[in-house]
Each structure stands twice: as C-alpha cells, then as structure tokens.
C-alpha cells in the first residue's frame, strides 16, 4: 500500500456564510483547503484518473456544498464537508477541510476553522 494525500489549496468560493446580517445579504469570498488520504498504488501503476480521486470533482462538490448550504457557521460547513467526503469516497482514510474568511477582521489576514476526520472517528483540527 502506498498512502498519499490529494490536496486542494485555497479553493476560492463565493457564498453566503456567517452570522452577521451583512454576511447574509451577499456572497462573500472564502478559501477552502482540503486533504484526502488514500492509497496511490493503483493510480501509480495505471497512470489513470479512474484509479484515483479526481480533485476537480472534489472541488466542485465542496463548492456546491458551500453555495447551496448558506451556512451560519464555518464549523457547520467543515463538519458537513468532511462527512460528505468520507461518505462519497470510501477509499479515503483521513480527510481534513479548512475554511478561511479573509475579509472579516481588519487586523487579521483571515479567520476560519478546520476539521479532520479519520474513517470511524472525528477529531478537532
């Protein structure tokens, strides 16, 4: 077995997420980071997309979840996102999703939250 990590860094999504009224009135920019641990053996041997996780599809799924979810809390989004990825990709042994909101606190580059889950048990991140 050759375990590796599929990564998506700073996926930019425009969606409604937040508890403040002004955050609920218009889409805002968020950055989503995701990591999915999986066995690379078959993909390495075949050099075929059919034997791995297509990160373009994962990015689309994460975007759709954020846009359609209209979440109040980033914590709720990352919880739903990690659960969705584990459900849709049974070959994944560990998943981590983080969200950063860059335009919230003037004195901070960004604020956010992340969650890591391993197949069978959640952990904080």
C-alpha atoms as a PDB file:
ATOM      1  CA  UNK A   1       0.000   0.000   0.000  1.00  0.00           C
ATOM      2  CA  UNK A   2       1.236   3.465  -0.911  1.00  0.00           C
ATOM      3  CA  UNK A   3      -0.788   6.055   1.024  1.00  0.00           C
ATOM      4  CA  UNK A   4      -0.668   9.601  -0.286  1.00  0.00           C
ATOM      5  CA  UNK A   5      -2.604  12.834   0.088  1.00  0.00           C
ATOM      6  CA  UNK A   6      -4.786  14.543  -2.501  1.00  0.00           C
ATOM      7  CA  UNK A   7      -4.706  18.312  -1.774  1.00  0.00           C
ATOM      8  CA  UNK A   8      -6.767  21.298  -2.774  1.00  0.00           C
ATOM      9  CA  UNK A   9      -5.355  24.609  -1.527  1.00  0.00           C
ATOM     10  CA  UNK A  10      -7.230  27.902  -1.376  1.00  0.00           C
ATOM     11  CA  UNK A  11     -10.228  26.913  -3.449  1.00  0.00           C
ATOM     12  CA  UNK A  12     -11.952  30.286  -3.797  1.00  0.00           C
ATOM     13  CA  UNK A  13     -15.713  30.152  -3.388  1.00  0.00           C
ATOM     14  CA  UNK A  14     -18.273  32.957  -3.206  1.00  0.00           C
ATOM     15  CA  UNK A  15     -21.174  32.033  -0.945  1.00  0.00           C
ATOM     16  CA  UNK A  16     -23.375  33.140   1.939  1.00  0.00           C
ATOM     17  CA  UNK A  17     -21.740  32.103   5.207  1.00  0.00           C
ATOM     18  CA  UNK A  18     -21.798  33.926   8.521  1.00  0.00           C
ATOM     19  CA  UNK A  19     -23.977  35.077  11.382  1.00  0.00           C
ATOM     20  CA  UNK A  20     -23.855  38.843  10.873  1.00  0.00           C
ATOM     21  CA  UNK A  21     -26.736  40.295   8.853  1.00  0.00           C
ATOM     22  CA  UNK A  22     -24.380  41.904   6.323  1.00  0.00           C
ATOM     23  CA  UNK A  23     -22.802  38.464   5.713  1.00  0.00           C
ATOM     24  CA  UNK A  24     -26.240  37.040   4.940  1.00  0.00           C
ATOM     25  CA  UNK A  25     -27.142  39.718   2.366  1.00  0.00           C
ATOM     26  CA  UNK A  26     -24.460  38.985  -0.224  1.00  0.00           C
ATOM     27  CA  UNK A  27     -21.974  36.363  -1.241  1.00  0.00           C
ATOM     28  CA  UNK A  28     -18.554  36.641   0.334  1.00  0.00           C
ATOM     29  CA  UNK A  29     -15.225  35.128  -0.563  1.00  0.00           C
ATOM     30  CA  UNK A  30     -13.928  32.128   1.353  1.00  0.00           C
ATOM     31  CA  UNK A  31     -10.914  29.869   0.839  1.00  0.00           C
ATOM     32  CA  UNK A  32     -11.343  26.125   1.242  1.00  0.00           C
ATOM     33  CA  UNK A  33      -8.415  23.767   1.837  1.00  0.00           C
ATOM     34  CA  UNK A  34      -8.917  20.007   1.663  1.00  0.00           C
ATOM     35  CA  UNK A  35      -6.742  16.949   2.172  1.00  0.00           C
ATOM     36  CA  UNK A  36      -7.808  13.386   1.426  1.00  0.00           C
ATOM     37  CA  UNK A  37      -5.539  10.447   2.310  1.00  0.00           C
ATOM     38  CA  UNK A  38      -5.875   7.440   0.047  1.00  0.00           C
ATOM     39  CA  UNK A  39      -3.885   4.572  -1.434  1.00  0.00           C
ATOM     40  CA  UNK A  40      -1.947   5.704  -4.523  1.00  0.00           C
ATOM     41  CA  UNK A  41      -0.854   2.185  -5.605  1.00  0.00           C
ATOM     42  CA  UNK A  42      -3.406   1.609  -8.372  1.00  0.00           C
ATOM     43  CA  UNK A  43      -3.106   5.139  -9.780  1.00  0.00           C
ATOM     44  CA  UNK A  44       0.674   4.972  -9.768  1.00  0.00           C
ATOM     45  CA  UNK A  45       0.620   1.655 -11.614  1.00  0.00           C
ATOM     46  CA  UNK A  46      -2.028   2.597 -14.196  1.00  0.00           C
ATOM     47  CA  UNK A  47      -1.422   6.349 -14.551  1.00  0.00           C
ATOM     48  CA  UNK A  48      -5.206   6.594 -15.000  1.00  0.00           C
ATOM     49  CA  UNK A  49      -7.665   9.053 -13.420  1.00  0.00           C
ATOM     50  CA  UNK A  50     -10.112   6.179 -12.928  1.00  0.00           C
ATOM     51  CA  UNK A  51      -7.799   4.767 -10.250  1.00  0.00           C
ATOM     52  CA  UNK A  52      -7.657   7.866  -8.067  1.00  0.00           C
ATOM     53  CA  UNK A  53      -9.769  10.679  -6.691  1.00  0.00           C
ATOM     54  CA  UNK A  54     -10.443  13.406  -9.230  1.00  0.00           C
ATOM     55  CA  UNK A  55      -9.660  16.640  -7.388  1.00  0.00           C
ATOM     56  CA  UNK A  56     -11.673  18.670  -9.924  1.00  0.00           C
ATOM     57  CA  UNK A  57     -14.771  16.701  -8.907  1.00  0.00           C
ATOM     58  CA  UNK A  58     -13.956  17.147  -5.204  1.00  0.00           C
ATOM     59  CA  UNK A  59     -13.559  20.912  -5.738  1.00  0.00           C
ATOM     60  CA  UNK A  60     -16.937  21.035  -7.474  1.00  0.00           C
ATOM     61  CA  UNK A  61     -18.581  19.099  -4.617  1.00  0.00           C
ATOM     62  CA  UNK A  62     -17.045  21.364  -1.947  1.00  0.00           C
ATOM     63  CA  UNK A  63     -18.130  24.457  -3.877  1.00  0.00           C
ATOM     64  CA  UNK A  64     -21.685  23.196  -4.345  1.00  0.00           C
ATOM     65  CA  UNK A  65     -21.980  22.349  -0.644  1.00  0.00           C
ATOM     66  CA  UNK A  66     -20.849  25.850   0.363  1.00  0.00           C
ATOM     67  CA  UNK A  67     -23.052  27.675  -2.134  1.00  0.00           C
ATOM     68  CA  UNK A  68     -26.203  25.652  -1.515  1.00  0.00           C
ATOM     69  CA  UNK A  69     -25.701  25.312   2.245  1.00  0.00           C
ATOM     70  CA  UNK A  70     -25.910  29.014   3.142  1.00  0.00           C
ATOM     71  CA  UNK A  71     -24.258  28.141   6.474  1.00  0.00           C
ATOM     72  CA  UNK A  72     -24.192  30.393   9.511  1.00  0.00           C
ATOM     73  CA  UNK A  73     -21.028  28.862  10.948  1.00  0.00           C
ATOM     74  CA  UNK A  74     -17.804  27.796   9.272  1.00  0.00           C
ATOM     75  CA  UNK A  75     -17.745  24.960  11.819  1.00  0.00           C
ATOM     76  CA  UNK A  76     -21.012  23.616  10.401  1.00  0.00           C
ATOM     77  CA  UNK A  77     -19.662  23.740   6.855  1.00  0.00           C
ATOM     78  CA  UNK A  78     -16.420  21.897   7.644  1.00  0.00           C
ATOM     79  CA  UNK A  79     -18.366  19.272   9.592  1.00  0.00           C
ATOM     80  CA  UNK A  80     -20.720  18.640   6.671  1.00  0.00           C
ATOM     81  CA  UNK A  81     -17.875  18.749   4.145  1.00  0.00           C
ATOM     82  CA  UNK A  82     -15.720  16.171   5.938  1.00  0.00           C
ATOM     83  CA  UNK A  83     -18.708  13.859   6.413  1.00  0.00           C
ATOM     84  CA  UNK A  84     -19.669  14.210   2.733  1.00  0.00           C
ATOM     85  CA  UNK A  85     -16.158  13.378   1.528  1.00  0.00           C
ATOM     86  CA  UNK A  86     -15.883  10.304   3.731  1.00  0.00           C
ATOM     87  CA  UNK A  87     -19.294   9.144   2.532  1.00  0.00           C
ATOM     88  CA  UNK A  88     -18.601   9.688  -1.175  1.00  0.00           C
ATOM     89  CA  UNK A  89     -15.050   8.315  -1.165  1.00  0.00           C
ATOM     90  CA  UNK A  90     -14.891   5.042   0.777  1.00  0.00           C
ATOM     91  CA  UNK A  91     -11.208   4.629  -0.158  1.00  0.00           C
ATOM     92  CA  UNK A  92     -10.299   7.754   1.866  1.00  0.00           C
ATOM     93  CA  UNK A  93      -8.809   7.005   5.289  1.00  0.00           C
ATOM     94  CA  UNK A  94      -8.444  10.607   6.516  1.00  0.00           C
ATOM     95  CA  UNK A  95      -9.948  13.887   5.402  1.00  0.00           C
ATOM     96  CA  UNK A  96      -9.307  17.442   6.546  1.00  0.00           C
ATOM     97  CA  UNK A  97     -11.249  20.513   5.452  1.00  0.00           C
ATOM     98  CA  UNK A  98     -10.432  24.053   6.483  1.00  0.00           C
ATOM     99  CA  UNK A  99     -12.163  27.314   5.623  1.00  0.00           C
ATOM    100  CA  UNK A 100     -10.740  30.788   5.870  1.00  0.00           C
ATOM    101  CA  UNK A 101     -12.704  34.019   5.581  1.00  0.00           C
ATOM    102  CA  UNK A 102     -10.260  36.757   4.508  1.00  0.00           C
ATOM    103  CA  UNK A 103     -12.459  39.832   4.697  1.00  0.00           C
ATOM    104  CA  UNK A 104     -13.811  39.692   8.264  1.00  0.00           C
ATOM    105  CA  UNK A 105     -11.377  41.164  10.805  1.00  0.00           C
ATOM    106  CA  UNK A 106      -9.408  44.182   9.594  1.00  0.00           C
ATOM    107  CA  UNK A 107      -6.389  43.315  11.773  1.00  0.00           C
ATOM    108  CA  UNK A 108      -6.236  39.659  10.648  1.00  0.00           C
ATOM    109  CA  UNK A 109      -5.368  38.186   7.272  1.00  0.00           C
ATOM    110  CA  UNK A 110      -8.212  35.693   7.738  1.00  0.00           C
ATOM    111  CA  UNK A 111     -10.323  33.815  10.278  1.00  0.00           C
ATOM    112  CA  UNK A 112     -11.615  30.297   9.998  1.00  0.00           C
ATOM    113  CA  UNK A 113     -11.887  26.757  11.248  1.00  0.00           C
ATOM    114  CA  UNK A 114     -10.836  23.284  10.230  1.00  0.00           C
ATOM    115  CA  UNK A 115     -11.871  19.740  10.982  1.00  0.00           C
ATOM    116  CA  UNK A 116     -10.125  16.432  10.469  1.00  0.00           C
ATOM    117  CA  UNK A 117     -11.868  13.072  10.463  1.00  0.00           C
ATOM    118  CA  UNK A 118     -10.478   9.617  10.113  1.00  0.00           C
ATOM    119  CA  UNK A 119     -12.682   6.844   8.933  1.00  0.00           C
ATOM    120  CA  UNK A 120     -14.717   5.948  12.001  1.00  0.00           C
ATOM    121  CA  UNK A 121     -13.925   8.876  14.322  1.00  0.00           C
ATOM    122  CA  UNK A 122     -13.896  12.725  14.252  1.00  0.00           C
ATOM    123  CA  UNK A 123     -11.024  14.769  15.668  1.00  0.00           C
ATOM    124  CA  UNK A 124     -10.524  18.509  16.087  1.00  0.00           C
ATOM    125  CA  UNK A 125      -8.094  20.345  13.859  1.00  0.00           C
END
